[in-house]
Amino acid sequence: MQARSAPSLAKWHKLLHADYIGGEYEFVQNCSDRPGFTQVALDIGFMGQREIPEPMHVYFVVEALGEYRFKMAEVSFDRQPGCPGESYASYDNPPSLFKKR
């Protein structure tokens, strides 16, 4: 993901780098005050071979660039402003990469 991230996030890539990162989605929320941006909250429980005793809550803001291209814009241990509410991640009806006729 580093190649698709803002350059200012290099420290986060070093902090969260491991061969395996395990966790659960907490929520996925469109940023109502920032069109084109989505906040994703993760509870990270494993990094590499280590289990983290208390899940680490990390918030990512992803920018949609169009044509199924995205950029990781922000990462924080705190929720970023402009992205209120919580919409839980749903796997029941994922978006398609193919246009409907």
Protein backbone atom coordinates (compact mmCIF):
# COMPACT_ATOMS: atom_id res chain seq x y z
CA MET A 1 0.00 0.00 0.00
CA GLN A 2 2.99 2.31 0.44
CA ALA A 3 3.12 2.97 -3.33
CA ARG A 4 -0.49 4.19 -3.15
CA SER A 5 -0.06 6.40 -0.12
CA ALA A 6 0.66 10.06 0.50
CA PRO A 7 4.42 10.58 1.08
CA SER A 8 3.70 11.95 4.58
CA LEU A 9 2.62 8.44 5.68
CA ALA A 10 6.09 6.87 5.50
CA LYS A 11 6.36 6.72 9.33
CA TRP A 12 3.08 4.79 9.49
CA HIS A 13 4.35 2.24 6.98
CA LYS A 14 7.39 1.63 9.17
CA LEU A 15 5.25 1.35 12.32
CA LEU A 16 2.62 -0.98 10.82
CA HIS A 17 4.92 -3.08 8.62
CA ALA A 18 4.93 -6.86 9.09
CA ASP A 19 4.61 -9.94 6.90
CA TYR A 20 1.18 -10.45 8.44
CA ILE A 21 -1.22 -7.94 10.00
CA GLY A 22 -4.44 -9.35 11.42
CA GLY A 23 -7.46 -7.53 12.67
CA GLU A 24 -11.07 -6.66 12.14
CA TYR A 25 -12.88 -3.82 10.44
CA GLU A 26 -14.66 -1.67 12.99
CA PHE A 27 -16.45 0.53 10.45
CA VAL A 28 -16.26 2.10 7.00
CA GLN A 29 -17.66 5.64 6.79
CA ASN A 30 -17.95 8.10 3.92
CA CYS A 31 -16.65 11.49 5.03
CA SER A 32 -19.69 13.74 4.69
CA ASP A 33 -17.62 16.91 5.07
CA ARG A 34 -14.98 15.69 2.59
CA PRO A 35 -16.49 14.32 -0.64
CA GLY A 36 -14.42 11.55 -2.22
CA PHE A 37 -12.89 10.47 1.09
CA THR A 38 -13.75 7.40 3.20
CA GLN A 39 -12.62 6.60 6.74
CA VAL A 40 -11.87 2.97 7.61
CA ALA A 41 -11.41 1.94 11.24
CA LEU A 42 -9.43 -1.22 12.02
CA ASP A 43 -8.81 -3.05 15.28
CA ILE A 44 -5.38 -4.63 14.76
CA GLY A 45 -4.80 -7.69 16.94
CA PHE A 46 -1.73 -9.31 15.33
CA MET A 47 1.45 -7.90 13.80
CA GLY A 48 3.77 -10.52 12.38
CA GLN A 49 3.92 -13.38 14.89
CA ARG A 50 2.98 -11.14 17.83
CA GLU A 51 -0.48 -10.95 19.29
CA ILE A 52 -1.23 -7.47 20.57
CA PRO A 53 -2.80 -7.78 24.06
CA GLU A 54 -5.18 -4.85 23.56
CA PRO A 55 -6.32 -4.32 19.93
CA MET A 56 -4.75 -1.24 18.37
CA HIS A 57 -7.43 1.08 16.93
CA VAL A 58 -6.18 2.70 13.71
CA TYR A 59 -8.15 5.03 11.43
CA PHE A 60 -7.32 5.30 7.73
CA VAL A 61 -8.68 7.91 5.31
CA VAL A 62 -8.75 6.77 1.69
CA GLU A 63 -9.21 9.17 -1.22
CA ALA A 64 -11.04 7.99 -4.36
CA LEU A 65 -9.12 9.19 -7.43
CA GLY A 66 -11.61 7.84 -9.99
CA GLU A 67 -11.54 4.83 -12.31
CA TYR A 68 -11.05 2.45 -9.35
CA ARG A 69 -7.87 4.19 -8.22
CA PHE A 70 -7.37 5.11 -4.57
CA LYS A 71 -4.77 6.80 -2.38
CA MET A 72 -4.22 6.39 1.35
CA ALA A 73 -4.46 10.01 2.46
CA GLU A 74 -4.23 9.88 6.27
CA VAL A 75 -3.59 7.46 9.14
CA SER A 76 -4.12 8.18 12.82
CA PHE A 77 -4.84 6.63 16.21
CA ASP A 78 -7.65 9.23 16.45
CA ARG A 79 -10.64 9.75 14.18
CA GLN A 80 -10.01 12.38 11.56
CA PRO A 81 -12.35 15.36 11.40
CA GLY A 82 -15.05 15.55 8.75
CA CYS A 83 -15.90 11.83 8.94
CA PRO A 84 -18.71 11.50 11.52
CA GLY A 85 -20.85 8.44 12.19
CA GLU A 86 -20.24 4.75 11.74
CA SER A 87 -21.35 2.44 8.93
CA TYR A 88 -20.30 -1.11 9.65
CA ALA A 89 -18.38 -2.92 6.94
CA SER A 90 -20.67 -5.13 4.85
CA TYR A 91 -19.61 -8.11 2.77
CA ASP A 92 -23.14 -8.94 1.59
CA ASN A 93 -23.27 -6.68 -1.48
CA PRO A 94 -19.73 -5.66 -2.53
CA PRO A 95 -19.36 -3.12 -5.38
CA SER A 96 -18.53 -4.49 -8.83
CA LEU A 97 -15.64 -3.43 -11.00
CA PHE A 98 -17.81 -4.04 -14.05
CA LYS A 99 -20.41 -1.60 -15.36
CA LYS A 100 -24.00 -2.77 -15.35
CA ARG A 101 -25.77 -2.78 -18.70
